Amino acid sequence: MNYPSKHIEDVVTEFTKLPGIGKKTALRLALHLLKQDEKDVERFGETVVKMRKDIQFCKVCHNVSDSELCNICANRSRNQALVCVVESLRDVIAIENTQQYNGVYHVLGGVISPIDGVGPDNLQINSLVERVQSGQVEELIMALSPTMEGDTTIFYLSKRLKDTAVKIT
């Protein structure tokens, strides 16, 4: 595709790096930004940079947070003994949007997938094992995808936690 400006081409190239954004959508977004007030575009860019720079990961569950502890782990009215094990931050958001779960989470950061080069050491498994061994967790709810990789991860976690009293659901 020929672009009238190298700047537009560069913006389109960057937008196409986002998941689900093809060249047509990227061009539409670039042209939209071009029509916007310069201050609005600056605020947009600054907000993205600030998010990437300032975002933290909860020291307990590895969810995104603005501080050392995420809002969920810091909320003492939630059942801290019930931990929902998920692959990613998207899963936390999806479950939270149901407003049906009152426990806490543990974000693994993916699932075991040897084909993709993802092993147990690439995930937040050791911190989950330590969390369970601390004795404060009574039940783990495995909310991983029903794929071979998800099943492999659940099997691996079950083996690692077999000598604990934790219930795995």
N, C-alpha and C. Protein backbone atom coordinates (compact mmCIF):
# COMPACT_ATOMS: atom_id res chain seq x y z
N MET A 1 0.85 -1.17 0.00
CA MET A 1 0.00 0.00 0.00
C MET A 1 0.89 1.24 0.00
N ASN A 2 0.57 2.18 -0.84
CA ASN A 2 1.33 3.43 -0.90
C ASN A 2 0.70 4.47 0.00
N TYR A 3 1.52 5.11 0.80
CA TYR A 3 1.04 6.13 1.73
C TYR A 3 1.56 7.49 1.28
N PRO A 4 0.75 8.53 1.52
CA PRO A 4 1.17 9.88 1.09
C PRO A 4 2.26 10.46 1.98
N SER A 5 2.54 9.82 3.10
CA SER A 5 3.51 10.35 4.05
C SER A 5 4.22 9.21 4.76
N LYS A 6 5.51 9.38 4.97
CA LYS A 6 6.29 8.40 5.72
C LYS A 6 5.78 8.33 7.17
N HIS A 7 5.32 9.46 7.71
CA HIS A 7 4.81 9.49 9.09
C HIS A 7 3.55 8.63 9.22
N ILE A 8 2.66 8.74 8.25
CA ILE A 8 1.45 7.91 8.28
C ILE A 8 1.84 6.44 8.14
N GLU A 9 2.76 6.15 7.26
CA GLU A 9 3.22 4.77 7.08
C GLU A 9 3.80 4.21 8.38
N ASP A 10 4.58 5.03 9.09
CA ASP A 10 5.17 4.59 10.36
C ASP A 10 4.09 4.31 11.41
N VAL A 11 3.08 5.17 11.48
CA VAL A 11 1.99 4.98 12.45
C VAL A 11 1.20 3.72 12.10
N VAL A 12 0.92 3.53 10.81
CA VAL A 12 0.21 2.32 10.37
C VAL A 12 1.01 1.08 10.75
N THR A 13 2.30 1.11 10.53
CA THR A 13 3.17 -0.02 10.87
C THR A 13 3.09 -0.33 12.37
N GLU A 14 3.11 0.69 13.21
CA GLU A 14 3.04 0.48 14.66
C GLU A 14 1.67 -0.06 15.08
N PHE A 15 0.59 0.48 14.51
CA PHE A 15 -0.74 0.00 14.85
C PHE A 15 -0.94 -1.46 14.43
N THR A 16 -0.35 -1.88 13.31
CA THR A 16 -0.52 -3.27 12.87
C THR A 16 0.18 -4.26 13.79
N LYS A 17 1.01 -3.78 14.69
CA LYS A 17 1.66 -4.65 15.67
C LYS A 17 0.69 -5.04 16.79
N LEU A 18 -0.43 -4.32 16.88
CA LEU A 18 -1.44 -4.63 17.90
C LEU A 18 -2.28 -5.82 17.44
N PRO A 19 -2.72 -6.66 18.38
CA PRO A 19 -3.50 -7.84 17.98
C PRO A 19 -4.83 -7.44 17.35
N GLY A 20 -5.15 -8.09 16.24
CA GLY A 20 -6.43 -7.86 15.58
C GLY A 20 -6.49 -6.61 14.71
N ILE A 21 -5.37 -5.92 14.56
CA ILE A 21 -5.36 -4.70 13.75
C ILE A 21 -4.60 -4.97 12.45
N GLY A 22 -5.35 -4.94 11.35
CA GLY A 22 -4.75 -5.09 10.03
C GLY A 22 -4.39 -3.73 9.47
N LYS A 23 -3.89 -3.72 8.25
CA LYS A 23 -3.45 -2.46 7.63
C LYS A 23 -4.59 -1.49 7.40
N LYS A 24 -5.77 -1.98 7.00
CA LYS A 24 -6.90 -1.09 6.76
C LYS A 24 -7.35 -0.41 8.05
N THR A 25 -7.48 -1.18 9.11
CA THR A 25 -7.89 -0.61 10.40
C THR A 25 -6.81 0.33 10.91
N ALA A 26 -5.56 -0.05 10.75
CA ALA A 26 -4.45 0.80 11.19
C ALA A 26 -4.47 2.14 10.46
N LEU A 27 -4.73 2.09 9.18
CA LEU A 27 -4.81 3.33 8.40
C LEU A 27 -5.99 4.17 8.87
N ARG A 28 -7.12 3.54 9.12
CA ARG A 28 -8.30 4.26 9.62
C ARG A 28 -7.99 4.94 10.95
N LEU A 29 -7.29 4.24 11.84
CA LEU A 29 -6.93 4.83 13.14
C LEU A 29 -5.95 5.98 12.97
N ALA A 30 -4.97 5.80 12.09
CA ALA A 30 -3.99 6.86 11.85
C ALA A 30 -4.66 8.11 11.30
N LEU A 31 -5.56 7.93 10.34
CA LEU A 31 -6.26 9.07 9.77
C LEU A 31 -7.19 9.73 10.78
N HIS A 32 -7.78 8.93 11.66
CA HIS A 32 -8.62 9.48 12.72
C HIS A 32 -7.78 10.37 13.64
N LEU A 33 -6.62 9.88 14.04
CA LEU A 33 -5.74 10.68 14.90
C LEU A 33 -5.30 11.97 14.22
N LEU A 34 -5.12 11.89 12.92
CA LEU A 34 -4.71 13.06 12.15
C LEU A 34 -5.77 14.17 12.20
N LYS A 35 -7.03 13.77 12.28
CA LYS A 35 -8.15 14.73 12.33
C LYS A 35 -8.37 15.31 13.73
N GLN A 36 -7.85 14.64 14.74
CA GLN A 36 -8.08 15.06 16.12
C GLN A 36 -7.25 16.29 16.48
N ASP A 37 -7.71 16.97 17.52
CA ASP A 37 -6.96 18.10 18.06
C ASP A 37 -5.59 17.60 18.53
N GLU A 38 -4.57 18.39 18.28
CA GLU A 38 -3.20 17.99 18.62
C GLU A 38 -3.05 17.64 20.10
N LYS A 39 -3.72 18.39 20.97
CA LYS A 39 -3.63 18.12 22.42
C LYS A 39 -4.26 16.78 22.77
N ASP A 40 -5.34 16.43 22.09
CA ASP A 40 -5.98 15.13 22.34
C ASP A 40 -5.06 13.99 21.93
N VAL A 41 -4.37 14.14 20.83
CA VAL A 41 -3.44 13.11 20.36
C VAL A 41 -2.25 13.01 21.31
N GLU A 42 -1.76 14.15 21.77
CA GLU A 42 -0.65 14.14 22.74
C GLU A 42 -1.08 13.43 24.02
N ARG A 43 -2.29 13.73 24.50
CA ARG A 43 -2.79 13.10 25.73
C ARG A 43 -2.92 11.59 25.53
N PHE A 44 -3.39 11.19 24.34
CA PHE A 44 -3.50 9.77 24.01
C PHE A 44 -2.13 9.09 24.10
N GLY A 45 -1.15 9.69 23.44
CA GLY A 45 0.20 9.13 23.45
C GLY A 45 0.81 9.11 24.84
N GLU A 46 0.63 10.18 25.58
CA GLU A 46 1.17 10.25 26.95
C GLU A 46 0.52 9.22 27.85
N THR A 47 -0.77 8.99 27.66
CA THR A 47 -1.49 8.02 28.48
C THR A 47 -0.96 6.61 28.24
N VAL A 48 -0.69 6.28 26.98
CA VAL A 48 -0.16 4.96 26.65
C VAL A 48 1.25 4.80 27.23
N VAL A 49 2.08 5.82 27.09
CA VAL A 49 3.44 5.77 27.63
C VAL A 49 3.41 5.65 29.15
N LYS A 50 2.54 6.43 29.80
CA LYS A 50 2.42 6.40 31.26
C LYS A 50 1.95 5.03 31.75
N MET A 51 0.97 4.45 31.05
CA MET A 51 0.50 3.12 31.42
C MET A 51 1.65 2.12 31.38
N ARG A 52 2.39 2.11 30.28
CA ARG A 52 3.48 1.15 30.11
C ARG A 52 4.59 1.37 31.12
N LYS A 53 4.86 2.63 31.43
CA LYS A 53 5.94 2.96 32.33
C LYS A 53 5.58 2.72 33.81
N ASP A 54 4.35 3.06 34.18
CA ASP A 54 3.97 3.05 35.59
C ASP A 54 3.24 1.80 36.06
N ILE A 55 2.80 0.96 35.14
CA ILE A 55 2.04 -0.22 35.55
C ILE A 55 2.94 -1.15 36.36
N GLN A 56 2.36 -1.75 37.36
CA GLN A 56 3.08 -2.72 38.19
C GLN A 56 2.33 -4.04 38.14
N PHE A 57 2.95 -5.06 38.66
CA PHE A 57 2.30 -6.34 38.78
C PHE A 57 2.22 -6.68 40.26
N CYS A 58 1.05 -7.10 40.69
CA CYS A 58 0.81 -7.43 42.10
C CYS A 58 1.84 -8.45 42.57
N LYS A 59 2.41 -8.19 43.74
CA LYS A 59 3.44 -9.10 44.25
C LYS A 59 2.86 -10.43 44.72
N VAL A 60 1.54 -10.50 44.89
CA VAL A 60 0.91 -11.74 45.34
C VAL A 60 0.38 -12.55 44.16
N CYS A 61 -0.44 -11.91 43.31
CA CYS A 61 -1.14 -12.68 42.28
C CYS A 61 -0.66 -12.42 40.85
N HIS A 62 0.16 -11.39 40.65
CA HIS A 62 0.71 -11.03 39.35
C HIS A 62 -0.30 -10.39 38.41
N ASN A 63 -1.40 -9.90 38.97
CA ASN A 63 -2.37 -9.12 38.20
C ASN A 63 -1.79 -7.72 38.01
N VAL A 64 -2.28 -6.97 37.02
CA VAL A 64 -1.81 -5.60 36.86
C VAL A 64 -2.31 -4.76 38.02
N SER A 65 -1.52 -3.75 38.35
CA SER A 65 -1.85 -2.93 39.51
C SER A 65 -1.19 -1.57 39.38
N ASP A 66 -1.71 -0.63 40.13
CA ASP A 66 -1.08 0.69 40.21
C ASP A 66 -0.15 0.77 41.41
N SER A 67 -0.17 -0.27 42.24
CA SER A 67 0.69 -0.29 43.43
C SER A 67 1.20 -1.71 43.66
N GLU A 68 1.86 -1.91 44.78
CA GLU A 68 2.48 -3.20 45.09
C GLU A 68 1.46 -4.34 45.15
N LEU A 69 0.27 -4.05 45.68
CA LEU A 69 -0.82 -5.02 45.76
C LEU A 69 -1.95 -4.55 44.85
N CYS A 70 -2.55 -5.47 44.12
CA CYS A 70 -3.70 -5.09 43.29
C CYS A 70 -4.92 -4.86 44.19
N ASN A 71 -5.93 -4.24 43.63
CA ASN A 71 -7.15 -3.94 44.40
C ASN A 71 -7.83 -5.20 44.91
N ILE A 72 -7.72 -6.29 44.16
CA ILE A 72 -8.37 -7.54 44.55
C ILE A 72 -7.67 -8.16 45.75
N CYS A 73 -6.35 -8.28 45.70
CA CYS A 73 -5.60 -8.86 46.82
C CYS A 73 -5.68 -7.97 48.07
N ALA A 74 -5.76 -6.67 47.87
CA ALA A 74 -5.82 -5.74 49.00
C ALA A 74 -7.20 -5.70 49.65
N ASN A 75 -8.21 -6.22 48.99
CA ASN A 75 -9.58 -6.18 49.49
C ASN A 75 -9.78 -7.33 50.49
N ARG A 76 -9.79 -7.03 51.76
CA ARG A 76 -9.89 -8.05 52.82
C ARG A 76 -11.28 -8.66 52.92
N SER A 77 -12.28 -8.10 52.23
CA SER A 77 -13.61 -8.69 52.25
C SER A 77 -13.71 -9.86 51.27
N ARG A 78 -12.69 -10.03 50.44
CA ARG A 78 -12.67 -11.16 49.52
C ARG A 78 -12.11 -12.39 50.22
N ASN A 79 -12.52 -13.56 49.76
CA ASN A 79 -12.08 -14.82 50.34
C ASN A 79 -10.64 -15.10 49.89
N GLN A 80 -9.69 -14.83 50.76
CA GLN A 80 -8.27 -14.98 50.45
C GLN A 80 -7.84 -16.45 50.38
N ALA A 81 -8.67 -17.36 50.89
CA ALA A 81 -8.34 -18.79 50.88
C ALA A 81 -8.78 -19.47 49.59
N LEU A 82 -9.55 -18.76 48.76
CA LEU A 82 -10.04 -19.29 47.49
C LEU A 82 -9.32 -18.58 46.35
N VAL A 83 -8.50 -19.33 45.61
CA VAL A 83 -7.67 -18.74 44.56
C VAL A 83 -8.06 -19.32 43.20
N CYS A 84 -8.41 -18.44 42.29
CA CYS A 84 -8.73 -18.81 40.92
C CYS A 84 -7.46 -18.66 40.08
N VAL A 85 -6.98 -19.77 39.53
CA VAL A 85 -5.75 -19.77 38.74
C VAL A 85 -6.13 -19.53 37.27
N VAL A 86 -5.58 -18.46 36.69
CA VAL A 86 -5.91 -18.09 35.31
C VAL A 86 -4.63 -17.93 34.50
N GLU A 87 -4.80 -17.93 33.18
CA GLU A 87 -3.66 -17.76 32.28
C GLU A 87 -3.20 -16.32 32.20
N SER A 88 -4.17 -15.39 32.07
CA SER A 88 -3.79 -14.02 31.76
C SER A 88 -4.68 -13.00 32.45
N LEU A 89 -4.29 -11.75 32.30
CA LEU A 89 -5.03 -10.63 32.86
C LEU A 89 -6.43 -10.55 32.26
N ARG A 90 -6.57 -10.93 31.02
CA ARG A 90 -7.88 -10.91 30.36
C ARG A 90 -8.86 -11.81 31.09
N ASP A 91 -8.37 -12.94 31.61
CA ASP A 91 -9.24 -13.87 32.33
C ASP A 91 -9.75 -13.24 33.62
N VAL A 92 -8.87 -12.52 34.31
CA VAL A 92 -9.27 -11.82 35.55
C VAL A 92 -10.39 -10.83 35.22
N ILE A 93 -10.20 -10.06 34.17
CA ILE A 93 -11.19 -9.06 33.78
C ILE A 93 -12.51 -9.73 33.44
N ALA A 94 -12.46 -10.81 32.68
CA ALA A 94 -13.69 -11.52 32.28
C ALA A 94 -14.44 -12.06 33.49
N ILE A 95 -13.73 -12.69 34.41
CA ILE A 95 -14.37 -13.25 35.60
C ILE A 95 -14.90 -12.14 36.50
N GLU A 96 -14.13 -11.09 36.67
CA GLU A 96 -14.57 -9.96 37.50
C GLU A 96 -15.83 -9.30 36.94
N ASN A 97 -15.95 -9.26 35.62
CA ASN A 97 -17.13 -8.64 34.99
C ASN A 97 -18.41 -9.41 35.27
N THR A 98 -18.29 -10.68 35.66
CA THR A 98 -19.49 -11.46 36.01
C THR A 98 -20.02 -11.07 37.38
N GLN A 99 -19.18 -10.51 38.22
CA GLN A 99 -19.53 -10.12 39.60
C GLN A 99 -20.07 -11.31 40.40
N GLN A 100 -19.59 -12.52 40.07
CA GLN A 100 -20.05 -13.73 40.74
C GLN A 100 -18.97 -14.39 41.60
N TYR A 101 -17.75 -13.92 41.51
CA TYR A 101 -16.63 -14.56 42.21
C TYR A 101 -16.10 -13.62 43.27
N ASN A 102 -15.91 -14.14 44.49
CA ASN A 102 -15.45 -13.30 45.59
C ASN A 102 -14.11 -13.76 46.17
N GLY A 103 -13.40 -14.60 45.46
CA GLY A 103 -12.08 -15.01 45.91
C GLY A 103 -11.02 -14.11 45.31
N VAL A 104 -9.80 -14.62 45.29
CA VAL A 104 -8.67 -13.88 44.71
C VAL A 104 -8.13 -14.70 43.53
N TYR A 105 -7.08 -14.21 42.89
CA TYR A 105 -6.58 -14.82 41.68
C TYR A 105 -5.09 -15.14 41.79
N HIS A 106 -4.65 -15.93 40.81
CA HIS A 106 -3.22 -16.11 40.57
C HIS A 106 -3.05 -16.16 39.05
N VAL A 107 -2.36 -15.19 38.49
CA VAL A 107 -2.16 -15.09 37.05
C VAL A 107 -0.84 -15.78 36.69
N LEU A 108 -0.95 -16.88 35.95
CA LEU A 108 0.24 -17.65 35.57
C LEU A 108 1.07 -16.95 34.49
N GLY A 109 0.43 -16.20 33.64
CA GLY A 109 1.14 -15.57 32.54
C GLY A 109 1.21 -16.45 31.30
N GLY A 110 0.34 -17.45 31.23
CA GLY A 110 0.29 -18.36 30.09
C GLY A 110 0.08 -19.78 30.55
N VAL A 111 0.31 -20.71 29.66
CA VAL A 111 0.20 -22.14 29.97
C VAL A 111 1.45 -22.84 29.42
N ILE A 112 1.71 -24.01 29.95
CA ILE A 112 2.86 -24.78 29.49
C ILE A 112 2.64 -25.20 28.04
N SER A 113 3.58 -24.86 27.18
CA SER A 113 3.47 -25.18 25.76
C SER A 113 4.87 -25.40 25.19
N PRO A 114 5.36 -26.64 25.27
CA PRO A 114 6.71 -26.92 24.77
C PRO A 114 6.92 -26.52 23.31
N ILE A 115 5.88 -26.65 22.49
CA ILE A 115 6.00 -26.28 21.08
C ILE A 115 6.32 -24.80 20.93
N ASP A 116 5.75 -23.98 21.82
CA ASP A 116 5.98 -22.53 21.78
C ASP A 116 7.17 -22.12 22.66
N GLY A 117 7.84 -23.10 23.25
CA GLY A 117 8.99 -22.80 24.08
C GLY A 117 8.63 -22.28 25.46
N VAL A 118 7.40 -22.57 25.93
CA VAL A 118 6.96 -22.11 27.24
C VAL A 118 6.96 -23.30 28.19
N GLY A 119 7.86 -23.24 29.16
CA GLY A 119 7.93 -24.29 30.17
C GLY A 119 7.49 -23.75 31.51
N PRO A 120 7.46 -24.58 32.53
CA PRO A 120 7.03 -24.15 33.86
C PRO A 120 7.84 -22.98 34.41
N ASP A 121 9.12 -22.91 34.06
CA ASP A 121 9.97 -21.82 34.56
C ASP A 121 9.62 -20.47 33.94
N ASN A 122 8.87 -20.48 32.84
CA ASN A 122 8.48 -19.24 32.18
C ASN A 122 7.18 -18.67 32.76
N LEU A 123 6.55 -19.42 33.66
CA LEU A 123 5.26 -19.02 34.22
C LEU A 123 5.39 -18.74 35.72
N GLN A 124 4.36 -18.17 36.28
CA GLN A 124 4.34 -17.83 37.71
C GLN A 124 3.88 -19.04 38.54
N ILE A 125 4.52 -20.16 38.34
CA ILE A 125 4.15 -21.39 39.03
C ILE A 125 4.81 -21.47 40.40
N ASN A 126 6.09 -21.14 40.49
CA ASN A 126 6.77 -21.24 41.79
C ASN A 126 6.11 -20.35 42.84
N SER A 127 5.68 -19.16 42.44
CA SER A 127 5.03 -18.28 43.41
C SER A 127 3.68 -18.84 43.83
N LEU A 128 3.00 -19.56 42.93
CA LEU A 128 1.73 -20.20 43.31
C LEU A 128 1.99 -21.32 44.31
N VAL A 129 3.01 -22.12 44.06
CA VAL A 129 3.36 -23.21 44.98
C VAL A 129 3.71 -22.63 46.35
N GLU A 130 4.50 -21.57 46.39
CA GLU A 130 4.86 -20.92 47.66
C GLU A 130 3.62 -20.39 48.37
N ARG A 131 2.70 -19.83 47.60
CA ARG A 131 1.46 -19.29 48.16
C ARG A 131 0.64 -20.40 48.81
N VAL A 132 0.56 -21.54 48.14
CA VAL A 132 -0.18 -22.68 48.69
C VAL A 132 0.53 -23.23 49.92
N GLN A 133 1.86 -23.34 49.86
CA GLN A 133 2.63 -23.89 50.98
C GLN A 133 2.60 -22.99 52.21
N SER A 134 2.24 -21.73 52.03
CA SER A 134 2.13 -20.83 53.19
C SER A 134 0.98 -21.22 54.10
N GLY A 135 0.06 -22.05 53.59
CA GLY A 135 -1.04 -22.55 54.40
C GLY A 135 -2.28 -21.67 54.39
N GLN A 136 -2.26 -20.58 53.67
CA GLN A 136 -3.41 -19.67 53.66
C GLN A 136 -4.41 -19.99 52.56
N VAL A 137 -4.05 -20.86 51.63
CA VAL A 137 -4.92 -21.20 50.52
C VAL A 137 -5.57 -22.56 50.80
N GLU A 138 -6.91 -22.59 50.73
CA GLU A 138 -7.64 -23.83 50.96
C GLU A 138 -8.07 -24.51 49.66
N GLU A 139 -8.35 -23.68 48.63
CA GLU A 139 -8.83 -24.24 47.37
C GLU A 139 -8.30 -23.45 46.19
N LEU A 140 -7.90 -24.19 45.15
CA LEU A 140 -7.50 -23.59 43.88
C LEU A 140 -8.55 -23.95 42.84
N ILE A 141 -9.07 -22.96 42.15
CA ILE A 141 -9.99 -23.19 41.04
C ILE A 141 -9.17 -23.02 39.77
N MET A 142 -9.02 -24.08 39.01
CA MET A 142 -8.24 -24.03 37.77
C MET A 142 -9.13 -23.53 36.64
N ALA A 143 -8.96 -22.28 36.28
CA ALA A 143 -9.75 -21.67 35.22
C ALA A 143 -8.89 -21.47 33.98
N LEU A 144 -8.26 -22.54 33.54
CA LEU A 144 -7.39 -22.50 32.37
C LEU A 144 -8.15 -23.00 31.15
N SER A 145 -7.67 -22.65 29.98
CA SER A 145 -8.36 -23.04 28.75
C SER A 145 -8.40 -24.56 28.60
N PRO A 146 -9.51 -25.08 28.07
CA PRO A 146 -9.64 -26.54 27.92
C PRO A 146 -8.92 -27.03 26.66
N THR A 147 -7.63 -26.81 26.64
CA THR A 147 -6.79 -27.25 25.52
C THR A 147 -5.77 -28.24 26.06
N MET A 148 -4.99 -28.81 25.18
CA MET A 148 -3.94 -29.73 25.62
C MET A 148 -2.95 -28.98 26.52
N GLU A 149 -2.63 -27.74 26.16
CA GLU A 149 -1.69 -26.94 26.96
C GLU A 149 -2.28 -26.61 28.33
N GLY A 150 -3.56 -26.26 28.35
CA GLY A 150 -4.23 -25.97 29.63
C GLY A 150 -4.28 -27.19 30.51
N ASP A 151 -4.64 -28.34 29.91
CA ASP A 151 -4.69 -29.60 30.66
C ASP A 151 -3.31 -30.00 31.17
N THR A 152 -2.28 -29.79 30.35
CA THR A 152 -0.91 -30.11 30.75
C THR A 152 -0.50 -29.25 31.95
N THR A 153 -0.88 -27.99 31.91
CA THR A 153 -0.54 -27.08 33.01
C THR A 153 -1.25 -27.50 34.29
N ILE A 154 -2.51 -27.87 34.19
CA ILE A 154 -3.26 -28.33 35.37
C ILE A 154 -2.64 -29.60 35.92
N PHE A 155 -2.28 -30.52 35.03
CA PHE A 155 -1.64 -31.78 35.46
C PHE A 155 -0.32 -31.49 36.18
N TYR A 156 0.47 -30.59 35.60
CA TYR A 156 1.76 -30.23 36.21
C TYR A 156 1.55 -29.60 37.59
N LEU A 157 0.59 -28.68 37.69
CA LEU A 157 0.31 -28.03 38.98
C LEU A 157 -0.18 -29.06 40.01
N SER A 158 -1.03 -29.97 39.58
CA SER A 158 -1.54 -31.00 40.49
C SER A 158 -0.42 -31.86 41.04
N LYS A 159 0.54 -32.20 40.18
CA LYS A 159 1.70 -32.99 40.61
C LYS A 159 2.55 -32.20 41.61
N ARG A 160 2.77 -30.91 41.30
CA ARG A 160 3.59 -30.07 42.19
C ARG A 160 2.94 -29.86 43.55
N LEU A 161 1.61 -29.91 43.58
CA LEU A 161 0.89 -29.60 44.82
C LEU A 161 0.30 -30.84 45.51
N LYS A 162 0.67 -32.03 45.04
CA LYS A 162 0.07 -33.26 45.57
C LYS A 162 0.33 -33.47 47.06
N ASP A 163 1.41 -32.94 47.59
CA ASP A 163 1.73 -33.13 49.01
C ASP A 163 1.17 -32.03 49.90
N THR A 164 0.31 -31.20 49.35
CA THR A 164 -0.31 -30.14 50.15
C THR A 164 -1.76 -30.51 50.41
N ALA A 165 -2.38 -29.78 51.34
CA ALA A 165 -3.77 -30.06 51.69
C ALA A 165 -4.75 -29.26 50.84
N VAL A 166 -4.27 -28.56 49.86
CA VAL A 166 -5.13 -27.70 49.06
C VAL A 166 -6.07 -28.54 48.18
N LYS A 167 -7.32 -28.09 48.09
CA LYS A 167 -8.30 -28.72 47.22
C LYS A 167 -8.15 -28.09 45.83
N ILE A 168 -8.09 -28.94 44.81
CA ILE A 168 -7.96 -28.43 43.43
C ILE A 168 -9.25 -28.74 42.69
N THR A 169 -9.87 -27.67 42.20
CA THR A 169 -11.15 -27.80 41.48
C THR A 169 -10.95 -27.42 40.04
